[in-house]
């Protein structure tokens, strides 16, 4: 379910903006949110088993956080935020 890759980072960004969770815990929260969304997605047509969807959601959460951090750290490193 490719929508997990898009939806999970959106939820994490919303949590990040509310500052309910310290930033050091956001990668863990992202994985948990992805796993929960994956579990909820098992009720959609064409989805895999519960275990498969939880795994896919957790990977989406981990990947989403990693990709976001990669781009933000790159922009800080190369001064791309200064434009």
PDB file of N, CA and C in Angstrom:
ATOM      1  N   UNK A   1       0.842  -1.173   0.000  1.00  0.00           N
ATOM      2  CA  UNK A   1       0.000   0.000   0.000  1.00  0.00           C
ATOM      3  C   UNK A   1       0.894   1.244   0.000  1.00  0.00           C
ATOM      4  N   UNK A   2       1.024   1.833  -1.153  1.00  0.00           N
ATOM      5  CA  UNK A   2       1.921   2.976  -1.293  1.00  0.00           C
ATOM      6  C   UNK A   2       1.428   4.221  -0.566  1.00  0.00           C
ATOM      7  N   UNK A   3       0.156   4.266  -0.248  1.00  0.00           N
ATOM      8  CA  UNK A   3      -0.342   5.455   0.449  1.00  0.00           C
ATOM      9  C   UNK A   3       0.286   5.593   1.831  1.00  0.00           C
ATOM     10  N   UNK A   4       0.767   4.499   2.408  1.00  0.00           N
ATOM     11  CA  UNK A   4       1.409   4.566   3.722  1.00  0.00           C
ATOM     12  C   UNK A   4       2.661   5.432   3.676  1.00  0.00           C
ATOM     13  N   UNK A   5       3.362   5.409   2.545  1.00  0.00           N
ATOM     14  CA  UNK A   5       4.577   6.206   2.399  1.00  0.00           C
ATOM     15  C   UNK A   5       4.256   7.696   2.415  1.00  0.00           C
ATOM     16  N   UNK A   6       3.079   8.056   1.952  1.00  0.00           N
ATOM     17  CA  UNK A   6       2.675   9.463   1.906  1.00  0.00           C
ATOM     18  C   UNK A   6       1.995   9.885   3.206  1.00  0.00           C
ATOM     19  N   UNK A   7       1.117   9.045   3.711  1.00  0.00           N
ATOM     20  CA  UNK A   7       0.284   9.412   4.860  1.00  0.00           C
ATOM     21  C   UNK A   7       1.085   9.444   6.162  1.00  0.00           C
ATOM     22  N   UNK A   8       1.991   8.501   6.350  1.00  0.00           N
ATOM     23  CA  UNK A   8       2.737   8.427   7.612  1.00  0.00           C
ATOM     24  C   UNK A   8       3.534   9.698   7.893  1.00  0.00           C
ATOM     25  N   UNK A   9       4.343  10.204   6.951  1.00  0.00           N
ATOM     26  CA  UNK A   9       5.060  11.456   7.237  1.00  0.00           C
ATOM     27  C   UNK A   9       4.141  12.651   7.489  1.00  0.00           C
ATOM     28  N   UNK A  10       2.962  12.651   6.878  1.00  0.00           N
ATOM     29  CA  UNK A  10       2.008  13.743   7.122  1.00  0.00           C
ATOM     30  C   UNK A  10       1.566  13.731   8.583  1.00  0.00           C
ATOM     31  N   UNK A  11       1.244  12.550   9.101  1.00  0.00           N
ATOM     32  CA  UNK A  11       0.866  12.435  10.506  1.00  0.00           C
ATOM     33  C   UNK A  11       2.022  12.832  11.422  1.00  0.00           C
ATOM     34  N   UNK A  12       3.225  12.413  11.079  1.00  0.00           N
ATOM     35  CA  UNK A  12       4.388  12.740  11.913  1.00  0.00           C
ATOM     36  C   UNK A  12       4.643  14.242  11.908  1.00  0.00           C
ATOM     37  N   UNK A  13       4.504  14.879  10.751  1.00  0.00           N
ATOM     38  CA  UNK A  13       4.672  16.334  10.691  1.00  0.00           C
ATOM     39  C   UNK A  13       3.632  17.046  11.545  1.00  0.00           C
ATOM     40  N   UNK A  14       2.411  16.543  11.543  1.00  0.00           N
ATOM     41  CA  UNK A  14       1.361  17.141  12.374  1.00  0.00           C
ATOM     42  C   UNK A  14       1.716  17.023  13.851  1.00  0.00           C
ATOM     43  N   UNK A  15       2.220  15.873  14.249  1.00  0.00           N
ATOM     44  CA  UNK A  15       2.630  15.682  15.646  1.00  0.00           C
ATOM     45  C   UNK A  15       3.822  16.575  15.969  1.00  0.00           C
ATOM     46  N   UNK A  16       4.738  16.693  15.025  1.00  0.00           N
ATOM     47  CA  UNK A  16       5.916  17.534  15.231  1.00  0.00           C
ATOM     48  C   UNK A  16       5.520  18.994  15.439  1.00  0.00           C
ATOM     49  N   UNK A  17       4.556  19.472  14.678  1.00  0.00           N
ATOM     50  CA  UNK A  17       4.108  20.864  14.797  1.00  0.00           C
ATOM     51  C   UNK A  17       3.428  21.138  16.137  1.00  0.00           C
ATOM     52  N   UNK A  18       2.743  20.138  16.693  1.00  0.00           N
ATOM     53  CA  UNK A  18       2.070  20.331  17.975  1.00  0.00           C
ATOM     54  C   UNK A  18       3.030  20.270  19.150  1.00  0.00           C
ATOM     55  N   UNK A  19       4.228  19.757  18.923  1.00  0.00           N
ATOM     56  CA  UNK A  19       5.260  19.620  19.954  1.00  0.00           C
ATOM     57  C   UNK A  19       4.803  18.759  21.129  1.00  0.00           C
ATOM     58  N   UNK A  20       3.948  17.779  20.852  1.00  0.00           N
ATOM     59  CA  UNK A  20       3.512  16.845  21.895  1.00  0.00           C
ATOM     60  C   UNK A  20       4.595  15.841  22.249  1.00  0.00           C
ATOM     61  N   UNK A  21       5.464  15.578  21.296  1.00  0.00           N
ATOM     62  CA  UNK A  21       6.505  14.571  21.467  1.00  0.00           C
ATOM     63  C   UNK A  21       7.857  15.251  21.270  1.00  0.00           C
ATOM     64  N   UNK A  22       8.827  14.995  22.155  1.00  0.00           N
ATOM     65  CA  UNK A  22      10.167  15.554  21.938  1.00  0.00           C
ATOM     66  C   UNK A  22      10.745  15.072  20.605  1.00  0.00           C
ATOM     67  N   UNK A  23      11.497  15.923  19.949  1.00  0.00           N
ATOM     68  CA  UNK A  23      11.989  15.608  18.607  1.00  0.00           C
ATOM     69  C   UNK A  23      12.869  14.365  18.570  1.00  0.00           C
ATOM     70  N   UNK A  24      13.536  14.047  19.673  1.00  0.00           N
ATOM     71  CA  UNK A  24      14.385  12.853  19.663  1.00  0.00           C
ATOM     72  C   UNK A  24      13.563  11.567  19.548  1.00  0.00           C
ATOM     73  N   UNK A  25      12.274  11.623  19.865  1.00  0.00           N
ATOM     74  CA  UNK A  25      11.411  10.446  19.789  1.00  0.00           C
ATOM     75  C   UNK A  25      10.626  10.366  18.486  1.00  0.00           C
ATOM     76  N   UNK A  26      10.748  11.352  17.618  1.00  0.00           N
ATOM     77  CA  UNK A  26       9.968  11.363  16.381  1.00  0.00           C
ATOM     78  C   UNK A  26      10.245  10.176  15.456  1.00  0.00           C
ATOM     79  N   UNK A  27      11.489   9.718  15.299  1.00  0.00           N
ATOM     80  CA  UNK A  27      11.679   8.523  14.466  1.00  0.00           C
ATOM     81  C   UNK A  27      10.938   7.297  15.003  1.00  0.00           C
ATOM     82  N   UNK A  28      10.955   7.114  16.313  1.00  0.00           N
ATOM     83  CA  UNK A  28      10.233   5.989  16.913  1.00  0.00           C
ATOM     84  C   UNK A  28       8.733   6.164  16.737  1.00  0.00           C
ATOM     85  N   UNK A  29       8.250   7.371  16.953  1.00  0.00           N
ATOM     86  CA  UNK A  29       6.826   7.658  16.775  1.00  0.00           C
ATOM     87  C   UNK A  29       6.425   7.434  15.321  1.00  0.00           C
ATOM     88  N   UNK A  30       7.289   7.800  14.403  1.00  0.00           N
ATOM     89  CA  UNK A  30       7.001   7.608  12.985  1.00  0.00           C
ATOM     90  C   UNK A  30       6.824   6.128  12.647  1.00  0.00           C
ATOM     91  N   UNK A  31       7.679   5.289  13.182  1.00  0.00           N
ATOM     92  CA  UNK A  31       7.567   3.846  12.948  1.00  0.00           C
ATOM     93  C   UNK A  31       6.284   3.307  13.560  1.00  0.00           C
ATOM     94  N   UNK A  32       5.965   3.753  14.771  1.00  0.00           N
ATOM     95  CA  UNK A  32       4.734   3.291  15.422  1.00  0.00           C
ATOM     96  C   UNK A  32       3.489   3.752  14.663  1.00  0.00           C
ATOM     97  N   UNK A  33       3.480   4.992  14.224  1.00  0.00           N
ATOM     98  CA  UNK A  33       2.334   5.495  13.456  1.00  0.00           C
ATOM     99  C   UNK A  33       2.191   4.708  12.157  1.00  0.00           C
ATOM    100  N   UNK A  34       3.310   4.452  11.503  1.00  0.00           N
ATOM    101  CA  UNK A  34       3.267   3.665  10.279  1.00  0.00           C
ATOM    102  C   UNK A  34       2.710   2.274  10.513  1.00  0.00           C
ATOM    103  N   UNK A  35       3.133   1.640  11.611  1.00  0.00           N
ATOM    104  CA  UNK A  35       2.634   0.299  11.929  1.00  0.00           C
ATOM    105  C   UNK A  35       1.135   0.324  12.223  1.00  0.00           C
ATOM    106  N   UNK A  36       0.690   1.338  12.944  1.00  0.00           N
ATOM    107  CA  UNK A  36      -0.742   1.455  13.262  1.00  0.00           C
ATOM    108  C   UNK A  36      -1.553   1.699  11.991  1.00  0.00           C
ATOM    109  N   UNK A  37      -1.069   2.606  11.147  1.00  0.00           N
ATOM    110  CA  UNK A  37      -1.775   2.862   9.889  1.00  0.00           C
ATOM    111  C   UNK A  37      -1.774   1.625   8.997  1.00  0.00           C
ATOM    112  N   UNK A  38      -0.676   0.885   9.025  1.00  0.00           N
ATOM    113  CA  UNK A  38      -0.624  -0.361   8.264  1.00  0.00           C
ATOM    114  C   UNK A  38      -1.642  -1.367   8.761  1.00  0.00           C
ATOM    115  N   UNK A  39      -1.778  -1.462  10.088  1.00  0.00           N
ATOM    116  CA  UNK A  39      -2.766  -2.377  10.663  1.00  0.00           C
ATOM    117  C   UNK A  39      -4.178  -1.953  10.275  1.00  0.00           C
ATOM    118  N   UNK A  40      -4.440  -0.662  10.295  1.00  0.00           N
ATOM    119  CA  UNK A  40      -5.763  -0.173   9.903  1.00  0.00           C
ATOM    120  C   UNK A  40      -6.031  -0.395   8.416  1.00  0.00           C
ATOM    121  N   UNK A  41      -4.969  -0.416   7.627  1.00  0.00           N
ATOM    122  CA  UNK A  41      -5.125  -0.587   6.181  1.00  0.00           C
ATOM    123  C   UNK A  41      -5.466  -2.020   5.790  1.00  0.00           C
ATOM    124  N   UNK A  42      -5.382  -2.951   6.716  1.00  0.00           N
ATOM    125  CA  UNK A  42      -5.715  -4.340   6.370  1.00  0.00           C
ATOM    126  C   UNK A  42      -7.178  -4.487   5.994  1.00  0.00           C
ATOM    127  N   UNK A  43      -7.994  -3.522   6.361  1.00  0.00           N
ATOM    128  CA  UNK A  43      -9.417  -3.595   6.048  1.00  0.00           C
ATOM    129  C   UNK A  43      -9.736  -3.096   4.640  1.00  0.00           C
ATOM    130  N   UNK A  44      -8.746  -2.566   3.945  1.00  0.00           N
ATOM    131  CA  UNK A  44      -8.950  -2.093   2.577  1.00  0.00           C
ATOM    132  C   UNK A  44      -8.829  -3.255   1.600  1.00  0.00           C
ATOM    133  N   UNK A  45      -9.530  -3.149   0.493  1.00  0.00           N
ATOM    134  CA  UNK A  45      -9.442  -4.184  -0.536  1.00  0.00           C
ATOM    135  C   UNK A  45      -8.035  -4.240  -1.117  1.00  0.00           C
ATOM    136  N   UNK A  46      -7.551  -5.433  -1.348  1.00  0.00           N
ATOM    137  CA  UNK A  46      -6.246  -5.617  -1.967  1.00  0.00           C
ATOM    138  C   UNK A  46      -5.074  -5.547  -1.017  1.00  0.00           C
ATOM    139  N   UNK A  47      -5.328  -5.419   0.267  1.00  0.00           N
ATOM    140  CA  UNK A  47      -4.223  -5.346   1.218  1.00  0.00           C
ATOM    141  C   UNK A  47      -3.734  -6.747   1.558  1.00  0.00           C
ATOM    142  N   UNK A  48      -2.582  -6.796   2.171  1.00  0.00           N
ATOM    143  CA  UNK A  48      -2.003  -8.067   2.569  1.00  0.00           C
ATOM    144  C   UNK A  48      -2.504  -8.491   3.933  1.00  0.00           C
ATOM    145  N   UNK A  49      -1.802  -9.445   4.505  1.00  0.00           N
ATOM    146  CA  UNK A  49      -2.158  -9.918   5.843  1.00  0.00           C
ATOM    147  C   UNK A  49      -1.844  -8.839   6.878  1.00  0.00           C
ATOM    148  N   UNK A  50      -2.321  -9.033   8.084  1.00  0.00           N
ATOM    149  CA  UNK A  50      -2.086  -8.064   9.158  1.00  0.00           C
ATOM    150  C   UNK A  50      -0.591  -7.869   9.393  1.00  0.00           C
ATOM    151  N   UNK A  51       0.140  -8.968   9.472  1.00  0.00           N
ATOM    152  CA  UNK A  51       1.586  -8.876   9.717  1.00  0.00           C
ATOM    153  C   UNK A  51       2.292  -8.143   8.579  1.00  0.00           C
ATOM    154  N   UNK A  52       1.897  -8.426   7.365  1.00  0.00           N
ATOM    155  CA  UNK A  52       2.508  -7.770   6.206  1.00  0.00           C
ATOM    156  C   UNK A  52       2.236  -6.275   6.215  1.00  0.00           C
ATOM    157  N   UNK A  53       1.017  -5.904   6.535  1.00  0.00           N
ATOM    158  CA  UNK A  53       0.660  -4.489   6.526  1.00  0.00           C
ATOM    159  C   UNK A  53       1.319  -3.732   7.677  1.00  0.00           C
ATOM    160  N   UNK A  54       1.436  -4.360   8.838  1.00  0.00           N
ATOM    161  CA  UNK A  54       2.147  -3.718   9.954  1.00  0.00           C
ATOM    162  C   UNK A  54       3.605  -3.502   9.571  1.00  0.00           C
ATOM    163  N   UNK A  55       4.204  -4.521   8.966  1.00  0.00           N
ATOM    164  CA  UNK A  55       5.599  -4.422   8.524  1.00  0.00           C
ATOM    165  C   UNK A  55       5.749  -3.311   7.483  1.00  0.00           C
ATOM    166  N   UNK A  56       4.847  -3.267   6.507  1.00  0.00           N
ATOM    167  CA  UNK A  56       4.906  -2.236   5.464  1.00  0.00           C
ATOM    168  C   UNK A  56       4.743  -0.841   6.064  1.00  0.00           C
ATOM    169  N   UNK A  57       3.841  -0.703   7.022  1.00  0.00           N
ATOM    170  CA  UNK A  57       3.645   0.589   7.669  1.00  0.00           C
ATOM    171  C   UNK A  57       4.854   1.024   8.470  1.00  0.00           C
ATOM    172  N   UNK A  58       5.456   0.079   9.189  1.00  0.00           N
ATOM    173  CA  UNK A  58       6.653   0.402   9.972  1.00  0.00           C
ATOM    174  C   UNK A  58       7.796   0.821   9.051  1.00  0.00           C
ATOM    175  N   UNK A  59       7.946   0.133   7.935  1.00  0.00           N
ATOM    176  CA  UNK A  59       8.977   0.518   6.967  1.00  0.00           C
ATOM    177  C   UNK A  59       8.685   1.885   6.358  1.00  0.00           C
ATOM    178  N   UNK A  60       7.422   2.156   6.105  1.00  0.00           N
ATOM    179  CA  UNK A  60       7.047   3.474   5.582  1.00  0.00           C
ATOM    180  C   UNK A  60       7.385   4.560   6.597  1.00  0.00           C
ATOM    181  N   UNK A  61       7.139   4.291   7.871  1.00  0.00           N
ATOM    182  CA  UNK A  61       7.481   5.253   8.915  1.00  0.00           C
ATOM    183  C   UNK A  61       8.974   5.472   9.025  1.00  0.00           C
ATOM    184  N   UNK A  62       9.726   4.388   8.984  1.00  0.00           N
ATOM    185  CA  UNK A  62      11.185   4.497   9.066  1.00  0.00           C
ATOM    186  C   UNK A  62      11.742   5.204   7.839  1.00  0.00           C
ATOM    187  N   UNK A  63      11.229   4.835   6.685  1.00  0.00           N
ATOM    188  CA  UNK A  63      11.700   5.461   5.449  1.00  0.00           C
ATOM    189  C   UNK A  63      11.317   6.919   5.349  1.00  0.00           C
ATOM    190  N   UNK A  64      10.114   7.240   5.768  1.00  0.00           N
ATOM    191  CA  UNK A  64       9.664   8.623   5.722  1.00  0.00           C
ATOM    192  C   UNK A  64      10.498   9.525   6.605  1.00  0.00           C
ATOM    193  N   UNK A  65      10.810   9.059   7.787  1.00  0.00           N
ATOM    194  CA  UNK A  65      11.644   9.838   8.697  1.00  0.00           C
ATOM    195  C   UNK A  65      13.054   9.962   8.159  1.00  0.00           C
ATOM    196  N   UNK A  66      13.592   8.870   7.668  1.00  0.00           N
ATOM    197  CA  UNK A  66      14.950   8.890   7.127  1.00  0.00           C
ATOM    198  C   UNK A  66      15.077   9.812   5.935  1.00  0.00           C
ATOM    199  N   UNK A  67      14.099   9.779   5.056  1.00  0.00           N
ATOM    200  CA  UNK A  67      14.122  10.630   3.875  1.00  0.00           C
ATOM    201  C   UNK A  67      13.999  12.099   4.266  1.00  0.00           C
ATOM    202  N   UNK A  68      13.103  12.401   5.193  1.00  0.00           N
ATOM    203  CA  UNK A  68      12.930  13.778   5.648  1.00  0.00           C
ATOM    204  C   UNK A  68      14.214  14.285   6.306  1.00  0.00           C
ATOM    205  N   UNK A  69      14.796  13.472   7.187  1.00  0.00           N
ATOM    206  CA  UNK A  69      16.024  13.879   7.871  1.00  0.00           C
ATOM    207  C   UNK A  69      17.167  14.057   6.882  1.00  0.00           C
ATOM    208  N   UNK A  70      17.231  13.201   5.875  1.00  0.00           N
ATOM    209  CA  UNK A  70      18.279  13.308   4.865  1.00  0.00           C
ATOM    210  C   UNK A  70      18.220  14.659   4.164  1.00  0.00           C
ATOM    211  N   UNK A  71      17.032  15.074   3.762  1.00  0.00           N
ATOM    212  CA  UNK A  71      16.905  16.341   3.054  1.00  0.00           C
ATOM    213  C   UNK A  71      17.104  17.534   3.980  1.00  0.00           C
ATOM    214  N   UNK A  72      16.620  17.480   5.211  1.00  0.00           N
ATOM    215  CA  UNK A  72      16.812  18.626   6.103  1.00  0.00           C
ATOM    216  C   UNK A  72      18.270  18.749   6.515  1.00  0.00           C
ATOM    217  N   UNK A  73      18.937  17.637   6.773  1.00  0.00           N
ATOM    218  CA  UNK A  73      20.351  17.702   7.135  1.00  0.00           C
ATOM    219  C   UNK A  73      21.194  18.167   5.956  1.00  0.00           C
ATOM    220  N   UNK A  74      20.824  17.766   4.740  1.00  0.00           N
ATOM    221  CA  UNK A  74      21.544  18.201   3.552  1.00  0.00           C
ATOM    222  C   UNK A  74      21.408  19.706   3.380  1.00  0.00           C
ATOM    223  N   UNK A  75      20.209  20.225   3.570  1.00  0.00           N
ATOM    224  CA  UNK A  75      20.015  21.661   3.386  1.00  0.00           C
ATOM    225  C   UNK A  75      20.777  22.456   4.444  1.00  0.00           C
ATOM    226  N   UNK A  76      20.862  21.928   5.658  1.00  0.00           N
ATOM    227  CA  UNK A  76      21.634  22.614   6.698  1.00  0.00           C
ATOM    228  C   UNK A  76      23.124  22.550   6.382  1.00  0.00           C
ATOM    229  N   UNK A  77      23.581  21.395   5.909  1.00  0.00           N
ATOM    230  CA  UNK A  77      25.003  21.205   5.640  1.00  0.00           C
ATOM    231  C   UNK A  77      25.489  22.104   4.513  1.00  0.00           C
ATOM    232  N   UNK A  78      24.688  22.234   3.466  1.00  0.00           N
ATOM    233  CA  UNK A  78      25.112  22.991   2.297  1.00  0.00           C
ATOM    234  C   UNK A  78      24.541  24.400   2.251  1.00  0.00           C
ATOM    235  N   UNK A  79      23.909  24.838   3.326  1.00  0.00           N
ATOM    236  CA  UNK A  79      23.414  26.202   3.406  1.00  0.00           C
ATOM    237  C   UNK A  79      22.271  26.514   2.463  1.00  0.00           C
ATOM    238  N   UNK A  80      21.492  25.495   2.116  1.00  0.00           N
ATOM    239  CA  UNK A  80      20.392  25.717   1.186  1.00  0.00           C
ATOM    240  C   UNK A  80      19.210  26.411   1.845  1.00  0.00           C
ATOM    241  N   UNK A  81      19.209  26.517   3.167  1.00  0.00           N
ATOM    242  CA  UNK A  81      18.137  27.222   3.868  1.00  0.00           C
ATOM    243  C   UNK A  81      18.328  28.733   3.818  1.00  0.00           C
ATOM    244  N   UNK A  82      19.517  29.180   3.449  1.00  0.00           N
ATOM    245  CA  UNK A  82      19.839  30.597   3.491  1.00  0.00           C
ATOM    246  C   UNK A  82      19.281  31.378   2.310  1.00  0.00           C
ATOM    247  N   UNK A  83      18.706  30.715   1.346  1.00  0.00           N
ATOM    248  CA  UNK A  83      18.226  31.396   0.134  1.00  0.00           C
ATOM    249  C   UNK A  83      16.979  32.173   0.384  1.00  0.00           C
TER     250      UNK A  83
END
